[in-house]
Amino acid sequence: MSENLITAFELLGIGWGGIFVVMIIIYLVSLALSKIFAPRGPEA
């Protein structure tokens, strides 16, 4: 395989990995915020 093709696949893997890491971080932050600011008691 060409060296450029190998480099392209490495960049592709880093890009997809970054996308999934950011999606997981956003999901975890949204879960944390929903627990912190959850409605409590009868005033909800």
Protein backbone atom coordinates (compact mmCIF):
# COMPACT_ATOMS: atom_id res chain seq x y z
CA MET A 1 0.00 0.00 0.00
CA SER A 2 1.06 3.55 -0.61
CA GLU A 3 2.44 5.54 2.30
CA ASN A 4 -0.08 8.30 1.57
CA LEU A 5 -2.95 5.83 1.81
CA ILE A 6 -1.73 4.56 5.18
CA THR A 7 -1.48 8.14 6.45
CA ALA A 8 -4.97 8.84 5.14
CA PHE A 9 -6.39 5.85 7.04
CA GLU A 10 -4.62 6.98 10.22
CA LEU A 11 -6.19 10.43 9.89
CA LEU A 12 -9.57 8.84 9.18
CA GLY A 13 -9.32 6.79 12.38
CA ILE A 14 -8.31 9.80 14.44
CA GLY A 15 -11.19 11.82 13.01
CA TRP A 16 -13.85 9.17 13.69
CA GLY A 17 -12.41 8.52 17.13
CA GLY A 18 -12.58 12.22 17.93
CA ILE A 19 -16.19 12.42 16.81
CA PHE A 20 -17.23 9.55 19.07
CA VAL A 21 -15.26 10.93 22.04
CA VAL A 22 -16.98 14.31 21.69
CA MET A 23 -20.41 12.65 21.37
CA ILE A 24 -19.80 10.63 24.55
CA ILE A 25 -18.63 13.74 26.43
CA ILE A 26 -21.73 15.70 25.37
CA TYR A 27 -23.95 12.77 26.42
CA LEU A 28 -22.30 12.50 29.84
CA VAL A 29 -22.51 16.26 30.42
CA SER A 30 -26.20 16.27 29.51
CA LEU A 31 -26.84 13.38 31.93
CA ALA A 32 -24.99 15.22 34.70
CA LEU A 33 -26.90 18.45 34.06
CA SER A 34 -30.24 16.64 34.08
CA LYS A 35 -29.37 15.11 37.45
CA ILE A 36 -28.10 18.40 38.92
CA PHE A 37 -31.08 20.46 37.76
CA ALA A 38 -33.78 17.80 38.13
CA PRO A 39 -37.15 19.09 39.35
CA ARG A 40 -37.74 18.32 43.01
CA GLY A 41 -40.85 18.14 45.14
CA PRO A 42 -44.37 19.37 44.43
CA GLU A 43 -43.27 22.65 42.82
CA ALA A 44 -42.25 20.77 39.67
